[in-house]
Amino acid sequence: MSIARLSLAFVALLTLVARPMTAQVGSTAGIFAGVQYTGAALDLAGAAKTVKFGSGFGVHAGVGLGQTLSLVVNYDSNKLPTSGSSSTKLTQVDALARIHVFSGANSVMRPYLTAGVTARTAKGTSDFQGKAPTAGGGVTVQLPGLSVFATALWTFGNLTSSNSLISGKSSFSSTGTRVQVGTSFYLLGH
């Protein structure tokens, strides 16, 4: 397929998606919970080993306070391969606020920005932990009683050694990157 045809198909798809769709539109208000597939990477500045992208899973729960604001608690667990034969288990717990931008009541697709704080642990040959700010964005397809979403999150800050027996550097500047694809089920108030 040529670049021109691919570009034309992409523009046509965006035109269809951008148009308000009133059939089967769901609300973002109410209590929700769900699951997601999560991919994560951890960039540790100055670390002796390289940590690669790894997959995992997550669960979340939240409450939509109308059509614009949602509060979300999220748990993700990933296994990240490291250089050599070892791996690192990365666990992250988020408290996030999600702001739905362009959240028209007649729109099925609702982009959002999200920000909050993340507590994370990295366990491998050495154990590290830390709390840091997180920000990102995504889009949700809102249907009656459920939504399907895709999110990208970035977490910034230090990971500090939680093992006093470790030799060498005890704190690393780190950037965590996550992508999530999942679904939420609205339990009450939807």
N, C-alpha and C. Protein backbone atom coordinates (compact mmCIF):
# COMPACT_ATOMS: atom_id res chain seq x y z
N MET A 1 0.85 -1.17 0.00
CA MET A 1 0.00 0.00 0.00
C MET A 1 0.90 1.23 0.00
N SER A 2 0.60 2.19 -0.83
CA SER A 2 1.43 3.38 -0.93
C SER A 2 1.19 4.31 0.25
N ILE A 3 2.13 5.22 0.45
CA ILE A 3 2.01 6.21 1.54
C ILE A 3 0.77 7.07 1.33
N ALA A 4 0.48 7.44 0.08
CA ALA A 4 -0.69 8.29 -0.20
C ALA A 4 -1.98 7.57 0.18
N ARG A 5 -2.11 6.30 -0.17
CA ARG A 5 -3.32 5.54 0.17
C ARG A 5 -3.44 5.34 1.67
N LEU A 6 -2.32 5.06 2.31
CA LEU A 6 -2.33 4.88 3.75
C LEU A 6 -2.73 6.18 4.44
N SER A 7 -2.20 7.30 3.98
CA SER A 7 -2.55 8.61 4.55
C SER A 7 -4.02 8.92 4.35
N LEU A 8 -4.54 8.63 3.15
CA LEU A 8 -5.95 8.86 2.87
C LEU A 8 -6.83 8.00 3.76
N ALA A 9 -6.47 6.74 3.95
CA ALA A 9 -7.24 5.86 4.83
C ALA A 9 -7.21 6.36 6.27
N PHE A 10 -6.06 6.86 6.73
CA PHE A 10 -5.94 7.40 8.08
C PHE A 10 -6.82 8.63 8.25
N VAL A 11 -6.81 9.55 7.28
CA VAL A 11 -7.65 10.75 7.35
C VAL A 11 -9.12 10.37 7.35
N ALA A 12 -9.51 9.39 6.53
CA ALA A 12 -10.90 8.94 6.51
C ALA A 12 -11.31 8.36 7.86
N LEU A 13 -10.43 7.57 8.46
CA LEU A 13 -10.72 7.00 9.78
C LEU A 13 -10.87 8.10 10.83
N LEU A 14 -9.97 9.08 10.83
CA LEU A 14 -10.07 10.18 11.78
C LEU A 14 -11.35 10.97 11.58
N THR A 15 -11.77 11.17 10.34
CA THR A 15 -13.01 11.89 10.05
C THR A 15 -14.20 11.15 10.63
N LEU A 16 -14.22 9.84 10.48
CA LEU A 16 -15.33 9.06 11.04
C LEU A 16 -15.33 9.09 12.56
N VAL A 17 -14.15 9.00 13.16
CA VAL A 17 -14.04 8.98 14.62
C VAL A 17 -14.35 10.33 15.22
N ALA A 18 -13.95 11.40 14.55
CA ALA A 18 -14.12 12.75 15.10
C ALA A 18 -15.57 13.21 15.07
N ARG A 19 -16.38 12.62 14.22
CA ARG A 19 -17.77 13.02 14.14
C ARG A 19 -18.51 12.53 15.38
N PRO A 20 -19.39 13.37 15.94
CA PRO A 20 -20.15 12.91 17.11
C PRO A 20 -21.00 11.69 16.75
N MET A 21 -20.93 10.69 17.60
CA MET A 21 -21.75 9.50 17.42
C MET A 21 -22.69 9.42 18.62
N THR A 22 -23.97 9.46 18.38
CA THR A 22 -24.91 9.48 19.48
C THR A 22 -25.39 8.08 19.87
N ALA A 23 -25.31 7.14 18.97
CA ALA A 23 -25.75 5.78 19.30
C ALA A 23 -24.72 5.10 20.20
N GLN A 24 -25.17 4.44 21.22
CA GLN A 24 -24.32 3.65 22.10
C GLN A 24 -23.29 4.47 22.87
N VAL A 25 -23.57 5.73 23.16
CA VAL A 25 -22.64 6.55 23.92
C VAL A 25 -22.85 6.30 25.40
N GLY A 26 -21.76 6.11 26.13
CA GLY A 26 -21.82 5.91 27.56
C GLY A 26 -21.27 7.12 28.31
N SER A 27 -21.55 7.17 29.57
CA SER A 27 -21.10 8.25 30.43
C SER A 27 -19.80 7.87 31.11
N THR A 28 -18.99 8.87 31.49
CA THR A 28 -17.79 8.61 32.28
C THR A 28 -18.06 8.74 33.77
N ALA A 29 -19.30 9.07 34.16
CA ALA A 29 -19.65 9.22 35.57
C ALA A 29 -19.94 7.86 36.19
N GLY A 30 -19.56 7.70 37.46
CA GLY A 30 -19.88 6.48 38.18
C GLY A 30 -18.67 5.73 38.66
N ILE A 31 -18.90 4.65 39.39
CA ILE A 31 -17.83 3.81 39.94
C ILE A 31 -17.48 2.75 38.90
N PHE A 32 -16.17 2.57 38.67
CA PHE A 32 -15.73 1.60 37.68
C PHE A 32 -14.53 0.81 38.18
N ALA A 33 -14.31 -0.35 37.58
CA ALA A 33 -13.15 -1.20 37.87
C ALA A 33 -12.82 -1.97 36.61
N GLY A 34 -11.57 -2.39 36.49
CA GLY A 34 -11.21 -3.12 35.28
C GLY A 34 -9.82 -3.70 35.31
N VAL A 35 -9.41 -4.20 34.15
CA VAL A 35 -8.12 -4.84 33.97
C VAL A 35 -7.43 -4.25 32.76
N GLN A 36 -6.09 -4.40 32.72
CA GLN A 36 -5.35 -3.92 31.56
C GLN A 36 -4.10 -4.75 31.34
N TYR A 37 -3.71 -4.83 30.07
CA TYR A 37 -2.40 -5.35 29.68
C TYR A 37 -1.45 -4.16 29.77
N THR A 38 -0.28 -4.37 30.34
CA THR A 38 0.66 -3.27 30.55
C THR A 38 2.03 -3.64 30.01
N GLY A 39 2.61 -2.71 29.27
CA GLY A 39 4.00 -2.82 28.87
C GLY A 39 4.76 -1.73 29.60
N ALA A 40 5.94 -2.03 30.11
CA ALA A 40 6.69 -1.05 30.89
C ALA A 40 8.18 -1.12 30.58
N ALA A 41 8.82 0.00 30.77
CA ALA A 41 10.28 0.09 30.65
C ALA A 41 10.77 0.99 31.78
N LEU A 42 12.01 0.78 32.18
CA LEU A 42 12.60 1.55 33.27
C LEU A 42 13.99 1.97 32.83
N ASP A 43 14.21 3.27 32.74
CA ASP A 43 15.51 3.81 32.36
C ASP A 43 16.22 4.27 33.64
N LEU A 44 17.24 3.56 34.03
CA LEU A 44 18.00 3.87 35.25
C LEU A 44 19.33 4.51 34.84
N ALA A 45 19.45 5.82 35.05
CA ALA A 45 20.68 6.52 34.70
C ALA A 45 21.81 6.06 35.62
N GLY A 46 22.90 5.58 35.04
CA GLY A 46 24.07 5.18 35.81
C GLY A 46 24.03 3.78 36.36
N ALA A 47 23.02 2.98 36.00
CA ALA A 47 22.92 1.61 36.52
C ALA A 47 23.91 0.70 35.79
N ALA A 48 24.35 -0.34 36.48
CA ALA A 48 25.31 -1.28 35.90
C ALA A 48 24.67 -2.19 34.86
N LYS A 49 23.36 -2.45 34.97
CA LYS A 49 22.66 -3.33 34.04
C LYS A 49 21.62 -2.54 33.27
N THR A 50 21.35 -2.99 32.05
CA THR A 50 20.31 -2.38 31.23
C THR A 50 19.00 -3.13 31.48
N VAL A 51 17.93 -2.37 31.74
CA VAL A 51 16.61 -2.95 31.94
C VAL A 51 15.82 -2.72 30.66
N LYS A 52 15.25 -3.80 30.10
CA LYS A 52 14.54 -3.72 28.83
C LYS A 52 13.04 -3.68 29.04
N PHE A 53 12.30 -3.39 27.95
CA PHE A 53 10.85 -3.35 27.97
C PHE A 53 10.29 -4.72 28.31
N GLY A 54 9.29 -4.75 29.19
CA GLY A 54 8.67 -6.01 29.58
C GLY A 54 7.17 -5.89 29.70
N SER A 55 6.48 -7.00 29.63
CA SER A 55 5.02 -7.00 29.68
C SER A 55 4.52 -7.40 31.05
N GLY A 56 3.24 -7.15 31.27
CA GLY A 56 2.62 -7.49 32.54
C GLY A 56 1.13 -7.26 32.50
N PHE A 57 0.56 -7.08 33.67
CA PHE A 57 -0.88 -6.90 33.80
C PHE A 57 -1.15 -5.85 34.85
N GLY A 58 -2.40 -5.43 34.91
CA GLY A 58 -2.79 -4.47 35.93
C GLY A 58 -4.27 -4.52 36.20
N VAL A 59 -4.65 -3.93 37.32
CA VAL A 59 -6.05 -3.76 37.69
C VAL A 59 -6.22 -2.31 38.14
N HIS A 60 -7.43 -1.82 38.05
CA HIS A 60 -7.70 -0.45 38.46
C HIS A 60 -9.14 -0.31 38.96
N ALA A 61 -9.36 0.76 39.69
CA ALA A 61 -10.70 1.12 40.15
C ALA A 61 -10.76 2.64 40.24
N GLY A 62 -11.94 3.18 40.10
CA GLY A 62 -12.05 4.62 40.16
C GLY A 62 -13.48 5.08 40.24
N VAL A 63 -13.61 6.40 40.23
CA VAL A 63 -14.92 7.03 40.24
C VAL A 63 -14.88 8.21 39.29
N GLY A 64 -15.87 8.25 38.40
CA GLY A 64 -16.03 9.39 37.50
C GLY A 64 -16.94 10.40 38.16
N LEU A 65 -16.44 11.62 38.32
CA LEU A 65 -17.21 12.68 38.97
C LEU A 65 -17.82 13.58 37.90
N GLY A 66 -18.65 13.03 37.06
CA GLY A 66 -19.23 13.77 35.94
C GLY A 66 -18.52 13.39 34.65
N GLN A 67 -18.65 14.25 33.63
CA GLN A 67 -18.11 13.96 32.31
C GLN A 67 -16.68 14.45 32.12
N THR A 68 -16.10 15.15 33.10
CA THR A 68 -14.78 15.74 32.92
C THR A 68 -13.71 15.13 33.80
N LEU A 69 -13.99 14.82 35.05
CA LEU A 69 -12.97 14.40 36.01
C LEU A 69 -13.23 12.98 36.53
N SER A 70 -12.18 12.17 36.54
CA SER A 70 -12.23 10.84 37.15
C SER A 70 -11.02 10.69 38.07
N LEU A 71 -11.19 10.00 39.18
CA LEU A 71 -10.10 9.66 40.09
C LEU A 71 -9.87 8.16 39.99
N VAL A 72 -8.60 7.75 39.79
CA VAL A 72 -8.28 6.36 39.49
C VAL A 72 -7.16 5.88 40.40
N VAL A 73 -7.31 4.67 40.95
CA VAL A 73 -6.24 3.96 41.65
C VAL A 73 -5.88 2.78 40.76
N ASN A 74 -4.58 2.62 40.50
CA ASN A 74 -4.11 1.66 39.51
C ASN A 74 -2.97 0.83 40.09
N TYR A 75 -2.95 -0.47 39.76
CA TYR A 75 -1.86 -1.37 40.15
C TYR A 75 -1.35 -2.06 38.89
N ASP A 76 -0.04 -2.00 38.63
CA ASP A 76 0.58 -2.68 37.50
C ASP A 76 1.75 -3.52 37.98
N SER A 77 1.94 -4.69 37.38
CA SER A 77 3.07 -5.55 37.69
C SER A 77 3.67 -6.02 36.37
N ASN A 78 4.99 -5.82 36.21
CA ASN A 78 5.69 -6.18 34.98
C ASN A 78 6.96 -6.95 35.29
N LYS A 79 7.33 -7.84 34.39
CA LYS A 79 8.61 -8.54 34.47
C LYS A 79 9.48 -7.96 33.35
N LEU A 80 10.57 -7.28 33.74
CA LEU A 80 11.45 -6.62 32.79
C LEU A 80 12.75 -7.41 32.66
N PRO A 81 13.09 -7.85 31.45
CA PRO A 81 14.37 -8.53 31.26
C PRO A 81 15.52 -7.55 31.47
N THR A 82 16.61 -8.01 32.08
CA THR A 82 17.80 -7.19 32.25
C THR A 82 18.94 -7.83 31.48
N SER A 83 20.02 -7.08 31.33
CA SER A 83 21.18 -7.65 30.66
C SER A 83 21.68 -8.82 31.49
N GLY A 84 22.08 -9.88 30.83
CA GLY A 84 22.41 -11.12 31.53
C GLY A 84 21.19 -12.01 31.54
N SER A 85 21.12 -12.92 32.48
CA SER A 85 20.01 -13.87 32.51
C SER A 85 18.96 -13.52 33.56
N SER A 86 19.13 -12.42 34.26
CA SER A 86 18.19 -12.07 35.32
C SER A 86 17.05 -11.20 34.79
N SER A 87 16.08 -10.97 35.65
CA SER A 87 14.97 -10.08 35.32
C SER A 87 14.64 -9.24 36.54
N THR A 88 13.89 -8.17 36.29
CA THR A 88 13.48 -7.26 37.35
C THR A 88 11.96 -7.26 37.39
N LYS A 89 11.38 -7.42 38.58
CA LYS A 89 9.94 -7.32 38.74
C LYS A 89 9.63 -5.88 39.14
N LEU A 90 8.89 -5.19 38.30
CA LEU A 90 8.51 -3.80 38.54
C LEU A 90 7.05 -3.75 38.94
N THR A 91 6.77 -3.23 40.13
CA THR A 91 5.42 -3.07 40.63
C THR A 91 5.16 -1.59 40.83
N GLN A 92 3.99 -1.12 40.34
CA GLN A 92 3.66 0.30 40.44
C GLN A 92 2.22 0.46 40.89
N VAL A 93 2.01 1.36 41.85
CA VAL A 93 0.68 1.70 42.33
C VAL A 93 0.50 3.20 42.14
N ASP A 94 -0.55 3.58 41.42
CA ASP A 94 -0.79 4.98 41.08
C ASP A 94 -2.04 5.51 41.75
N ALA A 95 -2.02 6.79 42.10
CA ALA A 95 -3.21 7.56 42.45
C ALA A 95 -3.25 8.69 41.42
N LEU A 96 -4.24 8.65 40.53
CA LEU A 96 -4.26 9.56 39.38
C LEU A 96 -5.57 10.32 39.27
N ALA A 97 -5.48 11.54 38.77
CA ALA A 97 -6.66 12.31 38.35
C ALA A 97 -6.66 12.30 36.83
N ARG A 98 -7.81 12.03 36.25
CA ARG A 98 -7.95 11.97 34.80
C ARG A 98 -8.91 13.07 34.36
N ILE A 99 -8.43 13.96 33.50
CA ILE A 99 -9.25 15.05 32.97
C ILE A 99 -9.62 14.71 31.52
N HIS A 100 -10.89 14.54 31.26
CA HIS A 100 -11.35 14.25 29.91
C HIS A 100 -11.44 15.56 29.14
N VAL A 101 -10.62 15.70 28.11
CA VAL A 101 -10.64 16.91 27.28
C VAL A 101 -11.55 16.66 26.09
N PHE A 102 -12.19 17.68 25.60
CA PHE A 102 -13.14 17.57 24.49
C PHE A 102 -14.20 16.52 24.81
N SER A 103 -14.67 16.52 26.03
CA SER A 103 -15.58 15.45 26.47
C SER A 103 -17.03 15.81 26.21
N GLY A 104 -17.41 15.88 24.95
CA GLY A 104 -18.79 16.14 24.62
C GLY A 104 -19.67 14.97 24.99
N ALA A 105 -20.86 15.25 25.41
CA ALA A 105 -21.78 14.20 25.84
C ALA A 105 -22.16 13.25 24.71
N ASN A 106 -21.98 13.68 23.45
CA ASN A 106 -22.35 12.85 22.31
C ASN A 106 -21.17 12.13 21.67
N SER A 107 -20.00 12.20 22.28
CA SER A 107 -18.81 11.62 21.68
C SER A 107 -18.49 10.26 22.30
N VAL A 108 -18.24 9.27 21.47
CA VAL A 108 -17.85 7.95 21.94
C VAL A 108 -16.38 7.96 22.36
N MET A 109 -15.53 8.60 21.57
CA MET A 109 -14.09 8.66 21.87
C MET A 109 -13.81 9.90 22.72
N ARG A 110 -13.14 9.66 23.85
CA ARG A 110 -12.86 10.77 24.77
C ARG A 110 -11.39 10.76 25.15
N PRO A 111 -10.60 11.68 24.59
CA PRO A 111 -9.20 11.78 25.00
C PRO A 111 -9.09 12.34 26.41
N TYR A 112 -8.00 12.00 27.10
CA TYR A 112 -7.82 12.51 28.45
C TYR A 112 -6.36 12.74 28.76
N LEU A 113 -6.12 13.61 29.73
CA LEU A 113 -4.81 13.83 30.33
C LEU A 113 -4.90 13.30 31.75
N THR A 114 -3.79 12.76 32.25
CA THR A 114 -3.80 12.20 33.59
C THR A 114 -2.52 12.57 34.32
N ALA A 115 -2.62 12.75 35.63
CA ALA A 115 -1.44 13.08 36.44
C ALA A 115 -1.70 12.63 37.87
N GLY A 116 -0.60 12.36 38.59
CA GLY A 116 -0.72 11.95 39.97
C GLY A 116 0.61 11.51 40.53
N VAL A 117 0.56 10.57 41.45
CA VAL A 117 1.77 10.08 42.10
C VAL A 117 1.82 8.55 42.00
N THR A 118 3.03 8.01 41.87
CA THR A 118 3.24 6.58 41.74
C THR A 118 4.22 6.09 42.79
N ALA A 119 3.84 5.03 43.49
CA ALA A 119 4.77 4.31 44.38
C ALA A 119 5.21 3.09 43.60
N ARG A 120 6.53 2.88 43.49
CA ARG A 120 7.02 1.77 42.68
C ARG A 120 8.16 1.04 43.36
N THR A 121 8.25 -0.24 43.08
CA THR A 121 9.36 -1.07 43.56
C THR A 121 9.91 -1.82 42.37
N ALA A 122 11.21 -1.98 42.36
CA ALA A 122 11.91 -2.78 41.35
C ALA A 122 12.71 -3.82 42.10
N LYS A 123 12.39 -5.09 41.89
CA LYS A 123 13.06 -6.18 42.61
C LYS A 123 13.77 -7.07 41.60
N GLY A 124 15.05 -7.26 41.83
CA GLY A 124 15.88 -8.11 40.98
C GLY A 124 17.08 -8.52 41.79
N THR A 125 18.28 -8.32 41.24
CA THR A 125 19.49 -8.62 42.01
C THR A 125 19.63 -7.64 43.17
N SER A 126 19.05 -6.45 43.04
CA SER A 126 18.97 -5.46 44.12
C SER A 126 17.55 -4.95 44.16
N ASP A 127 17.10 -4.53 45.32
CA ASP A 127 15.74 -4.03 45.47
C ASP A 127 15.77 -2.51 45.60
N PHE A 128 14.88 -1.84 44.82
CA PHE A 128 14.77 -0.39 44.86
C PHE A 128 13.32 -0.01 45.00
N GLN A 129 13.09 1.18 45.56
CA GLN A 129 11.73 1.67 45.71
C GLN A 129 11.73 3.19 45.64
N GLY A 130 10.55 3.77 45.45
CA GLY A 130 10.44 5.22 45.44
C GLY A 130 9.03 5.67 45.10
N LYS A 131 8.76 6.92 45.42
CA LYS A 131 7.50 7.57 45.05
C LYS A 131 7.87 8.73 44.14
N ALA A 132 7.08 8.94 43.08
CA ALA A 132 7.44 9.95 42.10
C ALA A 132 6.20 10.44 41.36
N PRO A 133 6.30 11.62 40.75
CA PRO A 133 5.17 12.13 39.95
C PRO A 133 5.01 11.35 38.66
N THR A 134 3.77 11.23 38.22
CA THR A 134 3.42 10.54 36.98
C THR A 134 2.50 11.42 36.17
N ALA A 135 2.68 11.41 34.85
CA ALA A 135 1.80 12.15 33.95
C ALA A 135 1.67 11.38 32.65
N GLY A 136 0.60 11.64 31.92
CA GLY A 136 0.41 10.97 30.65
C GLY A 136 -0.90 11.36 30.01
N GLY A 137 -1.33 10.53 29.09
CA GLY A 137 -2.57 10.79 28.38
C GLY A 137 -3.06 9.53 27.72
N GLY A 138 -4.27 9.60 27.20
CA GLY A 138 -4.84 8.44 26.55
C GLY A 138 -6.16 8.77 25.91
N VAL A 139 -6.83 7.73 25.50
CA VAL A 139 -8.16 7.87 24.90
C VAL A 139 -9.01 6.70 25.38
N THR A 140 -10.27 6.97 25.61
CA THR A 140 -11.21 5.93 25.98
C THR A 140 -12.36 5.92 24.99
N VAL A 141 -12.82 4.73 24.66
CA VAL A 141 -14.02 4.56 23.86
C VAL A 141 -15.11 4.20 24.86
N GLN A 142 -16.05 5.12 25.03
CA GLN A 142 -17.04 5.04 26.08
C GLN A 142 -18.33 4.43 25.54
N LEU A 143 -18.70 3.25 26.05
CA LEU A 143 -19.92 2.56 25.66
C LEU A 143 -20.81 2.42 26.89
N PRO A 144 -22.08 2.11 26.72
CA PRO A 144 -22.93 1.94 27.90
C PRO A 144 -22.43 0.82 28.80
N GLY A 145 -22.08 1.14 30.02
CA GLY A 145 -21.66 0.15 31.00
C GLY A 145 -20.20 -0.25 30.96
N LEU A 146 -19.45 0.16 29.93
CA LEU A 146 -18.03 -0.19 29.87
C LEU A 146 -17.28 0.79 28.99
N SER A 147 -15.96 0.74 29.13
CA SER A 147 -15.10 1.53 28.25
C SER A 147 -13.87 0.71 27.91
N VAL A 148 -13.29 1.01 26.78
CA VAL A 148 -12.03 0.43 26.34
C VAL A 148 -11.05 1.59 26.24
N PHE A 149 -9.83 1.42 26.76
CA PHE A 149 -8.91 2.56 26.81
C PHE A 149 -7.50 2.18 26.42
N ALA A 150 -6.74 3.19 26.05
CA ALA A 150 -5.30 3.07 25.81
C ALA A 150 -4.65 4.28 26.46
N THR A 151 -3.60 4.03 27.25
CA THR A 151 -2.95 5.09 28.02
C THR A 151 -1.43 4.97 27.88
N ALA A 152 -0.76 6.12 27.88
CA ALA A 152 0.70 6.17 28.00
C ALA A 152 1.02 6.99 29.24
N LEU A 153 1.89 6.46 30.11
CA LEU A 153 2.26 7.12 31.37
C LEU A 153 3.78 7.22 31.48
N TRP A 154 4.25 8.33 32.06
CA TRP A 154 5.67 8.51 32.35
C TRP A 154 5.81 8.86 33.82
N THR A 155 6.72 8.16 34.52
CA THR A 155 7.00 8.41 35.93
C THR A 155 8.44 8.86 36.06
N PHE A 156 8.65 9.98 36.77
CA PHE A 156 9.97 10.58 36.91
C PHE A 156 10.39 10.57 38.37
N GLY A 157 11.68 10.49 38.64
CA GLY A 157 12.15 10.56 40.02
C GLY A 157 13.20 9.52 40.30
N ASN A 158 13.60 9.43 41.56
CA ASN A 158 14.65 8.50 41.96
C ASN A 158 14.08 7.19 42.48
N LEU A 159 14.82 6.12 42.25
CA LEU A 159 14.59 4.85 42.92
C LEU A 159 15.74 4.68 43.89
N THR A 160 15.44 4.40 45.15
CA THR A 160 16.44 4.30 46.20
C THR A 160 16.53 2.86 46.69
N SER A 161 17.72 2.43 47.03
CA SER A 161 17.93 1.07 47.50
C SER A 161 17.12 0.83 48.76
N SER A 162 16.39 -0.29 48.78
CA SER A 162 15.66 -0.68 49.99
C SER A 162 16.42 -1.79 50.71
N ASN A 163 17.63 -2.08 50.28
CA ASN A 163 18.46 -3.13 50.86
C ASN A 163 19.74 -2.48 51.39
N SER A 164 19.89 -2.42 52.68
CA SER A 164 21.05 -1.74 53.28
C SER A 164 22.35 -2.49 53.04
N LEU A 165 22.27 -3.73 52.56
CA LEU A 165 23.48 -4.51 52.33
C LEU A 165 24.07 -4.30 50.94
N ILE A 166 23.37 -3.53 50.10
CA ILE A 166 23.85 -3.33 48.73
C ILE A 166 25.13 -2.50 48.73
N SER A 167 26.06 -2.87 47.89
CA SER A 167 27.28 -2.09 47.77
C SER A 167 27.18 -1.23 46.51
N GLY A 168 27.84 -0.11 46.52
CA GLY A 168 27.82 0.77 45.36
C GLY A 168 26.74 1.83 45.49
N LYS A 169 26.24 2.26 44.37
CA LYS A 169 25.27 3.35 44.31
C LYS A 169 23.95 2.93 44.93
N SER A 170 23.35 3.82 45.74
CA SER A 170 22.11 3.46 46.42
C SER A 170 20.89 4.20 45.88
N SER A 171 21.06 5.13 44.93
CA SER A 171 19.94 5.86 44.37
C SER A 171 20.19 6.09 42.88
N PHE A 172 19.15 5.87 42.08
CA PHE A 172 19.26 6.06 40.64
C PHE A 172 18.18 7.00 40.16
N SER A 173 18.55 7.96 39.33
CA SER A 173 17.55 8.76 38.64
C SER A 173 16.89 7.85 37.62
N SER A 174 15.58 7.83 37.59
CA SER A 174 14.90 6.88 36.71
C SER A 174 13.69 7.52 36.04
N THR A 175 13.42 7.04 34.85
CA THR A 175 12.20 7.39 34.13
C THR A 175 11.50 6.09 33.79
N GLY A 176 10.27 5.97 34.23
CA GLY A 176 9.47 4.80 33.91
C GLY A 176 8.49 5.14 32.81
N THR A 177 8.35 4.26 31.85
CA THR A 177 7.40 4.44 30.75
C THR A 177 6.46 3.25 30.75
N ARG A 178 5.16 3.53 30.63
CA ARG A 178 4.16 2.46 30.56
C ARG A 178 3.16 2.73 29.47
N VAL A 179 2.71 1.68 28.84
CA VAL A 179 1.56 1.73 27.95
C VAL A 179 0.56 0.71 28.47
N GLN A 180 -0.70 1.09 28.44
CA GLN A 180 -1.76 0.22 28.94
C GLN A 180 -2.88 0.15 27.90
N VAL A 181 -3.44 -1.02 27.74
CA VAL A 181 -4.64 -1.22 26.94
C VAL A 181 -5.56 -2.09 27.79
N GLY A 182 -6.77 -1.60 28.02
CA GLY A 182 -7.65 -2.37 28.90
C GLY A 182 -9.09 -2.00 28.78
N THR A 183 -9.86 -2.47 29.74
CA THR A 183 -11.29 -2.19 29.76
C THR A 183 -11.72 -1.90 31.19
N SER A 184 -12.71 -1.04 31.31
CA SER A 184 -13.32 -0.70 32.59
C SER A 184 -14.80 -1.06 32.53
N PHE A 185 -15.30 -1.62 33.62
CA PHE A 185 -16.71 -1.93 33.74
C PHE A 185 -17.32 -0.98 34.76
N TYR A 186 -18.40 -0.31 34.39
CA TYR A 186 -19.04 0.64 35.28
C TYR A 186 -20.04 -0.11 36.15
N LEU A 187 -19.82 0.00 37.47
CA LEU A 187 -20.60 -0.79 38.42
C LEU A 187 -21.81 -0.03 38.96
N LEU A 188 -21.65 1.26 39.24
CA LEU A 188 -22.74 2.06 39.81
C LEU A 188 -22.73 3.45 39.17
N GLY A 189 -23.90 4.00 39.02
CA GLY A 189 -24.03 5.39 38.61
C GLY A 189 -23.75 5.68 37.16
N HIS A 190 -23.71 4.68 36.31
CA HIS A 190 -23.35 4.88 34.91
C HIS A 190 -24.59 5.02 34.06
